[in-house]
Amino acid sequence: MSLRLPKLDPLNGVAGYIRQASLDRPETAFLRARLDELRDDYARLRFALPLGPVHGDAHRKNIVRDCHGDPVVLDLERFSIGPREWDLVVAAVYQRVGWYTSAEYEAFTAAYEWDVRTWSGYETLAAVRELRMTAWLCARTGREPRLLPEARLRIASLKRPETPKHWQPGT
């Protein structure tokens, strides 16, 4: 049996998330423009690591232990072939938005023996991840209006990438 994994497209589905969002027209226009800009920026990236299998949404909530204590990976719908930096940027962005501590991130990079933040394409890839995270949350605002303040905070932070981010998880 042969298994062919799809090629990673980190912006796949983002336009749909934006369409589903219950936002004001200027907010939606900003997200669409940012998507177009990042699509071009992503296409120009030169990755430092070889392509390989990537989870697509690699974070600690997507790994659990079974009854024997062995790790089990969850949420595999984005499992694909792509730049390994895509999985690594998740932890860096989570630290950047306040979900992981600096110590947790440093332990992660020590275990992996490479820090994606040292790569020249980091800011672009982090921006792609942040847009994806924001658009996903925005898509939920129609059915979960309580998320609208967080969605707007994230949009405002995307407009000012140099300022610290203090996001709340969307769950």
C-alpha atoms as a PDB file:
ATOM      1  CA  MET A   1       0.000   0.000   0.000  1.00  0.00           C
ATOM      2  CA  SER A   2       1.270   3.444  -0.891  1.00  0.00           C
ATOM      3  CA  LEU A   3       0.293   6.617   0.886  1.00  0.00           C
ATOM      4  CA  ARG A   4       0.527   9.909  -0.973  1.00  0.00           C
ATOM      5  CA  LEU A   5       0.270  12.961   1.189  1.00  0.00           C
ATOM      6  CA  PRO A   6      -1.020  16.227  -0.252  1.00  0.00           C
ATOM      7  CA  LYS A   7       1.263  19.222  -0.580  1.00  0.00           C
ATOM      8  CA  LEU A   8       0.872  21.736   2.248  1.00  0.00           C
ATOM      9  CA  ASP A   9      -0.943  24.946   1.405  1.00  0.00           C
ATOM     10  CA  PRO A  10      -0.931  26.921   4.663  1.00  0.00           C
ATOM     11  CA  LEU A  11      -3.398  29.473   3.299  1.00  0.00           C
ATOM     12  CA  ASN A  12      -5.919  26.883   2.097  1.00  0.00           C
ATOM     13  CA  GLY A  13      -9.308  27.650   3.610  1.00  0.00           C
ATOM     14  CA  VAL A  14      -8.420  31.126   4.886  1.00  0.00           C
ATOM     15  CA  ALA A  15     -10.548  32.897   2.248  1.00  0.00           C
ATOM     16  CA  GLY A  16     -13.498  30.733   3.311  1.00  0.00           C
ATOM     17  CA  TYR A  17     -12.958  31.640   6.952  1.00  0.00           C
ATOM     18  CA  ILE A  18     -12.982  35.318   6.002  1.00  0.00           C
ATOM     19  CA  ARG A  19     -16.234  34.869   4.018  1.00  0.00           C
ATOM     20  CA  GLN A  20     -17.892  33.214   7.025  1.00  0.00           C
ATOM     21  CA  ALA A  21     -16.872  35.984   9.436  1.00  0.00           C
ATOM     22  CA  SER A  22     -19.437  38.375  10.907  1.00  0.00           C
ATOM     23  CA  LEU A  23     -17.246  41.449  10.636  1.00  0.00           C
ATOM     24  CA  ASP A  24     -17.557  44.990   9.367  1.00  0.00           C
ATOM     25  CA  ARG A  25     -16.679  45.553   5.715  1.00  0.00           C
ATOM     26  CA  PRO A  26     -13.341  47.335   6.459  1.00  0.00           C
ATOM     27  CA  GLU A  27     -12.227  44.447   8.690  1.00  0.00           C
ATOM     28  CA  THR A  28     -13.067  41.905   6.007  1.00  0.00           C
ATOM     29  CA  ALA A  29     -11.322  44.008   3.356  1.00  0.00           C
ATOM     30  CA  PHE A  30      -8.187  44.186   5.499  1.00  0.00           C
ATOM     31  CA  LEU A  31      -8.135  40.404   5.990  1.00  0.00           C
ATOM     32  CA  ARG A  32      -8.617  39.771   2.254  1.00  0.00           C
ATOM     33  CA  ALA A  33      -5.821  42.194   1.360  1.00  0.00           C
ATOM     34  CA  ARG A  34      -3.536  40.643   3.964  1.00  0.00           C
ATOM     35  CA  LEU A  35      -4.297  37.187   2.562  1.00  0.00           C
ATOM     36  CA  ASP A  36      -3.342  38.317  -0.950  1.00  0.00           C
ATOM     37  CA  GLU A  37      -0.139  39.927   0.328  1.00  0.00           C
ATOM     38  CA  LEU A  38       0.889  36.872   2.336  1.00  0.00           C
ATOM     39  CA  ARG A  39       0.077  34.494  -0.511  1.00  0.00           C
ATOM     40  CA  ASP A  40       2.681  36.338  -2.599  1.00  0.00           C
ATOM     41  CA  ASP A  41       5.180  36.556   0.274  1.00  0.00           C
ATOM     42  CA  TYR A  42       4.823  32.843   1.050  1.00  0.00           C
ATOM     43  CA  ALA A  43       5.453  31.907  -2.588  1.00  0.00           C
ATOM     44  CA  ARG A  44       8.819  33.685  -2.419  1.00  0.00           C
ATOM     45  CA  LEU A  45      10.069  31.951   0.743  1.00  0.00           C
ATOM     46  CA  ARG A  46      13.204  29.815   0.617  1.00  0.00           C
ATOM     47  CA  PHE A  47      13.056  27.255   3.376  1.00  0.00           C
ATOM     48  CA  ALA A  48      16.075  26.266   5.461  1.00  0.00           C
ATOM     49  CA  LEU A  49      14.968  22.710   6.227  1.00  0.00           C
ATOM     50  CA  PRO A  50      14.169  19.951   3.730  1.00  0.00           C
ATOM     51  CA  LEU A  51      10.535  19.241   2.904  1.00  0.00           C
ATOM     52  CA  GLY A  52       8.965  16.419   4.832  1.00  0.00           C
ATOM     53  CA  PRO A  53       5.801  15.238   6.528  1.00  0.00           C
ATOM     54  CA  VAL A  54       4.164  17.996   8.569  1.00  0.00           C
ATOM     55  CA  HIS A  55       1.267  17.794  10.981  1.00  0.00           C
ATOM     56  CA  GLY A  56      -0.126  21.149   9.910  1.00  0.00           C
ATOM     57  CA  ASP A  57      -1.324  22.236  13.366  1.00  0.00           C
ATOM     58  CA  ALA A  58       1.391  20.960  15.690  1.00  0.00           C
ATOM     59  CA  HIS A  59       0.760  22.117  19.239  1.00  0.00           C
ATOM     60  CA  ARG A  60       0.622  20.426  22.613  1.00  0.00           C
ATOM     61  CA  LYS A  61      -3.165  19.939  22.642  1.00  0.00           C
ATOM     62  CA  ASN A  62      -2.807  17.744  19.555  1.00  0.00           C
ATOM     63  CA  ILE A  63      -0.674  15.164  21.362  1.00  0.00           C
ATOM     64  CA  VAL A  64      -2.097  13.035  24.164  1.00  0.00           C
ATOM     65  CA  ARG A  65      -0.924   9.921  25.959  1.00  0.00           C
ATOM     66  CA  ASP A  66      -2.740   6.608  25.633  1.00  0.00           C
ATOM     67  CA  CYS A  67      -3.421   4.250  28.544  1.00  0.00           C
ATOM     68  CA  HIS A  68       0.167   2.953  28.297  1.00  0.00           C
ATOM     69  CA  GLY A  69       1.692   6.418  28.358  1.00  0.00           C
ATOM     70  CA  ASP A  70       2.615   6.403  24.683  1.00  0.00           C
ATOM     71  CA  PRO A  71       2.041   9.594  22.685  1.00  0.00           C
ATOM     72  CA  VAL A  72      -0.861   9.713  20.228  1.00  0.00           C
ATOM     73  CA  VAL A  73      -1.042  12.489  17.644  1.00  0.00           C
ATOM     74  CA  LEU A  74      -4.498  13.987  17.017  1.00  0.00           C
ATOM     75  CA  ASP A  75      -6.060  16.317  14.459  1.00  0.00           C
ATOM     76  CA  LEU A  76      -4.452  14.927  11.320  1.00  0.00           C
ATOM     77  CA  GLU A  77      -6.690  16.509   8.665  1.00  0.00           C
ATOM     78  CA  ARG A  78      -3.859  18.851   7.580  1.00  0.00           C
ATOM     79  CA  PHE A  79      -1.148  16.164   7.587  1.00  0.00           C
ATOM     80  CA  SER A  80       0.813  16.772   4.408  1.00  0.00           C
ATOM     81  CA  ILE A  81       4.209  17.189   2.784  1.00  0.00           C
ATOM     82  CA  GLY A  82       5.656  20.626   3.248  1.00  0.00           C
ATOM     83  CA  PRO A  83       8.282  22.777   4.861  1.00  0.00           C
ATOM     84  CA  ARG A  84       9.037  21.570   8.371  1.00  0.00           C
ATOM     85  CA  GLU A  85       9.236  25.198   9.428  1.00  0.00           C
ATOM     86  CA  TRP A  86       5.417  25.249   9.252  1.00  0.00           C
ATOM     87  CA  ASP A  87       5.113  22.938  12.253  1.00  0.00           C
ATOM     88  CA  LEU A  88       7.928  24.707  14.092  1.00  0.00           C
ATOM     89  CA  VAL A  89       6.446  28.173  13.683  1.00  0.00           C
ATOM     90  CA  VAL A  90       3.387  27.162  15.720  1.00  0.00           C
ATOM     91  CA  ALA A  91       5.317  27.104  19.003  1.00  0.00           C
ATOM     92  CA  ALA A  92       7.097  30.365  18.151  1.00  0.00           C
ATOM     93  CA  VAL A  93       3.804  32.118  17.397  1.00  0.00           C
ATOM     94  CA  TYR A  94       2.175  30.661  20.515  1.00  0.00           C
ATOM     95  CA  GLN A  95       5.023  32.124  22.559  1.00  0.00           C
ATOM     96  CA  ARG A  96       4.677  35.435  20.702  1.00  0.00           C
ATOM     97  CA  VAL A  97       0.945  35.723  21.481  1.00  0.00           C
ATOM     98  CA  GLY A  98       1.385  34.692  25.109  1.00  0.00           C
ATOM     99  CA  TRP A  99       0.149  31.095  25.051  1.00  0.00           C
ATOM    100  CA  TYR A 100       3.562  29.516  25.726  1.00  0.00           C
ATOM    101  CA  THR A 101       6.076  30.914  28.169  1.00  0.00           C
ATOM    102  CA  SER A 102       9.593  31.793  27.090  1.00  0.00           C
ATOM    103  CA  ALA A 103      10.856  28.846  29.147  1.00  0.00           C
ATOM    104  CA  GLU A 104       8.471  26.465  27.375  1.00  0.00           C
ATOM    105  CA  TYR A 105       9.573  27.751  23.991  1.00  0.00           C
ATOM    106  CA  GLU A 106      13.252  27.504  24.907  1.00  0.00           C
ATOM    107  CA  ALA A 107      12.723  23.885  26.023  1.00  0.00           C
ATOM    108  CA  PHE A 108      11.018  23.189  22.685  1.00  0.00           C
ATOM    109  CA  THR A 109      13.888  24.651  20.648  1.00  0.00           C
ATOM    110  CA  ALA A 110      16.471  22.864  22.784  1.00  0.00           C
ATOM    111  CA  ALA A 111      14.740  19.544  22.107  1.00  0.00           C
ATOM    112  CA  TYR A 112      14.476  20.252  18.366  1.00  0.00           C
ATOM    113  CA  GLU A 113      17.970  21.771  18.244  1.00  0.00           C
ATOM    114  CA  TRP A 114      16.879  24.630  16.001  1.00  0.00           C
ATOM    115  CA  ASP A 115      14.943  27.852  16.525  1.00  0.00           C
ATOM    116  CA  VAL A 116      12.753  28.797  13.564  1.00  0.00           C
ATOM    117  CA  ARG A 117      13.031  32.450  14.645  1.00  0.00           C
ATOM    118  CA  THR A 118      16.659  32.463  13.436  1.00  0.00           C
ATOM    119  CA  TRP A 119      15.568  31.736   9.846  1.00  0.00           C
ATOM    120  CA  SER A 120      15.205  34.676   7.437  1.00  0.00           C
ATOM    121  CA  GLY A 121      11.635  33.692   6.484  1.00  0.00           C
ATOM    122  CA  TYR A 122      10.354  33.510  10.045  1.00  0.00           C
ATOM    123  CA  GLU A 123       8.412  36.795  10.077  1.00  0.00           C
ATOM    124  CA  THR A 124       6.556  35.894   6.885  1.00  0.00           C
ATOM    125  CA  LEU A 125       5.689  32.398   8.061  1.00  0.00           C
ATOM    126  CA  ALA A 126       4.631  33.707  11.479  1.00  0.00           C
ATOM    127  CA  ALA A 127       2.403  36.267   9.743  1.00  0.00           C
ATOM    128  CA  VAL A 128       0.798  33.473   7.696  1.00  0.00           C
ATOM    129  CA  ARG A 129       0.144  31.461  10.870  1.00  0.00           C
ATOM    130  CA  GLU A 130      -1.261  34.509  12.682  1.00  0.00           C
ATOM    131  CA  LEU A 131      -3.581  35.327   9.777  1.00  0.00           C
ATOM    132  CA  ARG A 132      -4.785  31.723   9.671  1.00  0.00           C
ATOM    133  CA  MET A 133      -5.437  31.731  13.431  1.00  0.00           C
ATOM    134  CA  THR A 134      -7.259  35.060  13.210  1.00  0.00           C
ATOM    135  CA  ALA A 135      -9.382  34.103  10.199  1.00  0.00           C
ATOM    136  CA  TRP A 136     -10.364  30.798  11.849  1.00  0.00           C
ATOM    137  CA  LEU A 137     -11.544  32.672  14.939  1.00  0.00           C
ATOM    138  CA  CYS A 138     -13.344  35.283  12.812  1.00  0.00           C
ATOM    139  CA  ALA A 139     -15.252  32.527  10.987  1.00  0.00           C
ATOM    140  CA  ARG A 140     -16.835  31.570  14.298  1.00  0.00           C
ATOM    141  CA  THR A 141     -18.111  35.076  15.170  1.00  0.00           C
ATOM    142  CA  GLY A 142     -21.488  34.602  13.469  1.00  0.00           C
ATOM    143  CA  ARG A 143     -22.436  31.667  15.672  1.00  0.00           C
ATOM    144  CA  GLU A 144     -20.335  32.753  18.676  1.00  0.00           C
ATOM    145  CA  PRO A 145     -20.645  36.543  18.990  1.00  0.00           C
ATOM    146  CA  ARG A 146     -18.708  36.444  22.275  1.00  0.00           C
ATOM    147  CA  LEU A 147     -15.577  35.962  20.121  1.00  0.00           C
ATOM    148  CA  LEU A 148     -15.987  39.285  18.309  1.00  0.00           C
ATOM    149  CA  PRO A 149     -13.865  41.357  20.752  1.00  0.00           C
ATOM    150  CA  GLU A 150     -10.994  38.850  20.485  1.00  0.00           C
ATOM    151  CA  ALA A 151     -11.332  38.741  16.694  1.00  0.00           C
ATOM    152  CA  ARG A 152     -11.122  42.522  16.530  1.00  0.00           C
ATOM    153  CA  LEU A 153      -8.146  42.588  18.898  1.00  0.00           C
ATOM    154  CA  ARG A 154      -6.335  40.112  16.642  1.00  0.00           C
ATOM    155  CA  ILE A 155      -7.150  42.099  13.509  1.00  0.00           C
ATOM    156  CA  ALA A 156      -5.826  45.262  15.176  1.00  0.00           C
ATOM    157  CA  SER A 157      -2.626  43.442  16.137  1.00  0.00           C
ATOM    158  CA  LEU A 158      -2.167  42.206  12.557  1.00  0.00           C
ATOM    159  CA  LYS A 159      -2.277  45.835  11.450  1.00  0.00           C
ATOM    160  CA  ARG A 160       0.540  46.634  13.909  1.00  0.00           C
ATOM    161  CA  PRO A 161       2.886  43.633  13.720  1.00  0.00           C
ATOM    162  CA  GLU A 162       5.655  45.373  15.673  1.00  0.00           C
ATOM    163  CA  THR A 163       3.543  45.663  18.847  1.00  0.00           C
ATOM    164  CA  PRO A 164       3.325  42.859  21.430  1.00  0.00           C
ATOM    165  CA  LYS A 165       0.367  40.536  21.034  1.00  0.00           C
ATOM    166  CA  HIS A 166      -1.783  39.348  23.917  1.00  0.00           C
ATOM    167  CA  TRP A 167      -4.292  36.991  22.368  1.00  0.00           C
ATOM    168  CA  GLN A 168      -6.719  34.693  24.124  1.00  0.00           C
ATOM    169  CA  PRO A 169      -7.207  31.153  22.824  1.00  0.00           C
ATOM    170  CA  GLY A 170     -10.403  30.796  20.809  1.00  0.00           C
ATOM    171  CA  THR A 171     -11.761  27.744  22.590  1.00  0.00           C
END
